N, C-alpha and C. Protein backbone atom coordinates (compact mmCIF):
# COMPACT_ATOMS: atom_id res chain seq x y z
N MET A 1 0.82 -1.19 0.00
CA MET A 1 0.00 0.00 0.00
C MET A 1 0.87 1.27 0.00
N GLU A 2 1.95 1.24 0.79
CA GLU A 2 2.82 2.42 0.85
C GLU A 2 3.44 2.73 -0.50
N GLU A 3 3.84 1.68 -1.22
CA GLU A 3 4.41 1.88 -2.56
C GLU A 3 3.37 2.49 -3.49
N PHE A 4 2.13 2.02 -3.38
CA PHE A 4 1.06 2.57 -4.21
C PHE A 4 0.84 4.05 -3.90
N ILE A 5 0.85 4.40 -2.64
CA ILE A 5 0.68 5.80 -2.25
C ILE A 5 1.82 6.64 -2.81
N GLU A 6 3.04 6.13 -2.74
CA GLU A 6 4.19 6.84 -3.32
C GLU A 6 4.01 7.03 -4.83
N ASN A 7 3.58 5.98 -5.52
CA ASN A 7 3.37 6.06 -6.95
C ASN A 7 2.25 7.04 -7.28
N PHE A 8 1.19 7.04 -6.49
CA PHE A 8 0.10 7.98 -6.69
C PHE A 8 0.59 9.41 -6.49
N TYR A 9 1.33 9.61 -5.43
CA TYR A 9 1.88 10.95 -5.16
C TYR A 9 2.74 11.44 -6.32
N GLY A 10 3.41 10.52 -6.98
CA GLY A 10 4.28 10.86 -8.10
C GLY A 10 3.55 11.47 -9.29
N ILE A 11 2.25 11.24 -9.41
CA ILE A 11 1.51 11.83 -10.53
C ILE A 11 0.92 13.19 -10.17
N LEU A 12 1.08 13.60 -8.93
CA LEU A 12 0.54 14.88 -8.48
C LEU A 12 1.59 15.98 -8.57
N ASP A 13 1.14 17.20 -8.75
CA ASP A 13 2.05 18.34 -8.83
C ASP A 13 1.94 19.28 -7.63
N ASP A 14 0.73 19.52 -7.15
CA ASP A 14 0.51 20.59 -6.18
C ASP A 14 0.06 20.13 -4.80
N THR A 15 -0.05 18.85 -4.59
CA THR A 15 -0.54 18.33 -3.31
C THR A 15 0.65 17.95 -2.43
N GLU A 16 0.59 18.34 -1.17
CA GLU A 16 1.63 17.98 -0.22
C GLU A 16 1.54 16.50 0.11
N LYS A 17 2.69 15.88 0.26
CA LYS A 17 2.74 14.45 0.55
C LYS A 17 1.99 14.11 1.85
N SER A 18 2.02 15.02 2.80
CA SER A 18 1.36 14.79 4.09
C SER A 18 -0.16 14.70 3.94
N GLU A 19 -0.71 15.15 2.82
CA GLU A 19 -2.16 15.10 2.58
C GLU A 19 -2.61 13.76 2.02
N ILE A 20 -1.66 12.89 1.67
CA ILE A 20 -1.99 11.64 1.00
C ILE A 20 -1.76 10.46 1.94
N ASP A 21 -2.80 9.67 2.14
CA ASP A 21 -2.68 8.41 2.86
C ASP A 21 -3.75 7.46 2.33
N GLN A 22 -3.86 6.30 2.92
CA GLN A 22 -4.78 5.29 2.41
C GLN A 22 -6.24 5.73 2.46
N ASN A 23 -6.58 6.66 3.34
CA ASN A 23 -7.96 7.12 3.48
C ASN A 23 -8.28 8.35 2.64
N THR A 24 -7.32 8.79 1.84
CA THR A 24 -7.53 9.99 1.03
C THR A 24 -8.61 9.75 -0.01
N ASP A 25 -9.57 10.68 -0.05
CA ASP A 25 -10.58 10.71 -1.12
C ASP A 25 -9.92 11.46 -2.27
N TYR A 26 -9.24 10.71 -3.11
CA TYR A 26 -8.39 11.31 -4.14
C TYR A 26 -9.15 12.20 -5.12
N LYS A 27 -10.42 11.92 -5.33
CA LYS A 27 -11.20 12.73 -6.27
C LYS A 27 -11.55 14.10 -5.69
N SER A 28 -11.35 14.28 -4.40
CA SER A 28 -11.63 15.59 -3.79
C SER A 28 -10.38 16.47 -3.73
N LEU A 29 -9.24 15.96 -4.17
CA LEU A 29 -8.03 16.78 -4.20
C LEU A 29 -8.21 17.94 -5.17
N ASP A 30 -7.69 19.10 -4.81
CA ASP A 30 -7.84 20.29 -5.65
C ASP A 30 -7.33 20.08 -7.07
N GLU A 31 -6.27 19.31 -7.22
CA GLU A 31 -5.70 19.15 -8.55
C GLU A 31 -6.28 17.96 -9.33
N TRP A 32 -7.26 17.25 -8.75
CA TRP A 32 -7.84 16.11 -9.44
C TRP A 32 -8.66 16.59 -10.64
N ASP A 33 -8.36 16.06 -11.79
CA ASP A 33 -9.11 16.37 -13.01
C ASP A 33 -8.97 15.20 -13.98
N SER A 34 -9.50 15.35 -15.17
CA SER A 34 -9.47 14.25 -16.13
C SER A 34 -8.03 13.88 -16.52
N MET A 35 -7.14 14.84 -16.56
CA MET A 35 -5.74 14.54 -16.90
C MET A 35 -5.09 13.70 -15.80
N THR A 36 -5.36 14.03 -14.56
CA THR A 36 -4.81 13.26 -13.45
C THR A 36 -5.36 11.84 -13.48
N SER A 37 -6.62 11.70 -13.85
CA SER A 37 -7.23 10.39 -13.97
C SER A 37 -6.51 9.56 -15.04
N LEU A 38 -6.21 10.17 -16.17
CA LEU A 38 -5.48 9.47 -17.23
C LEU A 38 -4.07 9.11 -16.78
N MET A 39 -3.44 9.99 -16.03
CA MET A 39 -2.10 9.71 -15.52
C MET A 39 -2.15 8.54 -14.53
N LEU A 40 -3.21 8.46 -13.75
CA LEU A 40 -3.40 7.34 -12.82
C LEU A 40 -3.54 6.03 -13.59
N ILE A 41 -4.34 6.02 -14.64
CA ILE A 41 -4.52 4.82 -15.45
C ILE A 41 -3.18 4.38 -16.04
N ALA A 42 -2.40 5.33 -16.55
CA ALA A 42 -1.09 5.02 -17.12
C ALA A 42 -0.12 4.50 -16.06
N MET A 43 -0.15 5.12 -14.87
CA MET A 43 0.74 4.69 -13.79
C MET A 43 0.43 3.26 -13.37
N VAL A 44 -0.83 2.92 -13.24
CA VAL A 44 -1.22 1.57 -12.84
C VAL A 44 -0.77 0.56 -13.89
N ASP A 45 -0.92 0.91 -15.15
CA ASP A 45 -0.48 0.02 -16.22
C ASP A 45 1.04 -0.17 -16.18
N GLU A 46 1.76 0.92 -16.03
CA GLU A 46 3.22 0.87 -16.04
C GLU A 46 3.80 0.17 -14.81
N LYS A 47 3.32 0.56 -13.64
CA LYS A 47 3.92 0.05 -12.39
C LYS A 47 3.40 -1.32 -11.97
N TYR A 48 2.13 -1.62 -12.31
CA TYR A 48 1.51 -2.84 -11.82
C TYR A 48 1.10 -3.80 -12.93
N GLY A 49 1.23 -3.36 -14.19
CA GLY A 49 0.87 -4.21 -15.32
C GLY A 49 -0.60 -4.59 -15.34
N LYS A 50 -1.44 -3.71 -14.81
CA LYS A 50 -2.87 -3.98 -14.73
C LYS A 50 -3.64 -2.85 -15.39
N GLN A 51 -4.81 -3.19 -15.90
CA GLN A 51 -5.65 -2.22 -16.59
C GLN A 51 -6.80 -1.81 -15.68
N ILE A 52 -6.96 -0.51 -15.48
CA ILE A 52 -8.14 0.00 -14.81
C ILE A 52 -8.85 0.94 -15.77
N LYS A 53 -10.11 1.15 -15.53
CA LYS A 53 -10.93 2.01 -16.39
C LYS A 53 -11.48 3.17 -15.56
N GLY A 54 -12.02 4.12 -16.27
CA GLY A 54 -12.64 5.26 -15.60
C GLY A 54 -13.70 4.82 -14.61
N GLU A 55 -14.42 3.76 -14.94
CA GLU A 55 -15.46 3.23 -14.05
C GLU A 55 -14.86 2.79 -12.72
N ASP A 56 -13.68 2.15 -12.76
CA ASP A 56 -13.01 1.73 -11.53
C ASP A 56 -12.69 2.95 -10.67
N ILE A 57 -12.19 3.99 -11.31
CA ILE A 57 -11.82 5.21 -10.59
C ILE A 57 -13.05 5.86 -9.98
N LYS A 58 -14.15 5.90 -10.72
CA LYS A 58 -15.38 6.51 -10.23
C LYS A 58 -15.97 5.75 -9.04
N GLU A 59 -15.89 4.43 -9.09
CA GLU A 59 -16.52 3.62 -8.05
C GLU A 59 -15.75 3.60 -6.73
N CYS A 60 -14.47 3.82 -6.77
CA CYS A 60 -13.65 3.79 -5.56
C CYS A 60 -13.69 5.15 -4.86
N LEU A 61 -13.69 5.13 -3.55
CA LEU A 61 -13.77 6.37 -2.77
C LEU A 61 -12.43 6.81 -2.22
N THR A 62 -11.60 5.86 -1.84
CA THR A 62 -10.32 6.20 -1.22
C THR A 62 -9.19 5.49 -1.96
N LEU A 63 -7.97 5.89 -1.66
CA LEU A 63 -6.82 5.20 -2.24
C LEU A 63 -6.80 3.74 -1.83
N GLU A 64 -7.22 3.44 -0.62
CA GLU A 64 -7.27 2.05 -0.16
C GLU A 64 -8.24 1.24 -1.02
N ASN A 65 -9.42 1.81 -1.30
CA ASN A 65 -10.40 1.14 -2.17
C ASN A 65 -9.82 0.90 -3.56
N LEU A 66 -9.17 1.92 -4.09
CA LEU A 66 -8.60 1.82 -5.43
C LEU A 66 -7.49 0.77 -5.47
N TYR A 67 -6.65 0.75 -4.47
CA TYR A 67 -5.57 -0.24 -4.40
C TYR A 67 -6.15 -1.66 -4.36
N ALA A 68 -7.18 -1.86 -3.57
CA ALA A 68 -7.82 -3.17 -3.49
C ALA A 68 -8.41 -3.57 -4.84
N ARG A 69 -8.98 -2.63 -5.56
CA ARG A 69 -9.54 -2.89 -6.88
C ARG A 69 -8.43 -3.31 -7.85
N ILE A 70 -7.32 -2.61 -7.80
CA ILE A 70 -6.20 -2.93 -8.67
C ILE A 70 -5.68 -4.34 -8.37
N GLN A 71 -5.57 -4.67 -7.09
CA GLN A 71 -5.06 -5.97 -6.69
C GLN A 71 -5.99 -7.10 -7.14
N SER A 72 -7.27 -6.82 -7.27
CA SER A 72 -8.23 -7.86 -7.63
C SER A 72 -8.29 -8.08 -9.15
N LYS A 73 -7.62 -7.26 -9.91
CA LYS A 73 -7.65 -7.39 -11.37
C LYS A 73 -6.70 -8.46 -11.85
């Protein structure tokens, strides 16, 4: 989970690292937008070799939920 949080933080530009943890509602971050969503999809493919879709991102509420979804793919 910690590695996933680090990788997620890596796609962000303006968010402080201290604001990101497993309970973060990532879609409520000020910098969250469609481009960040695409960067997340690319990061998951590159780092984990798994495919997620916009639907996966929409359905998950926290980074912990998203990580669990990725692991189940």
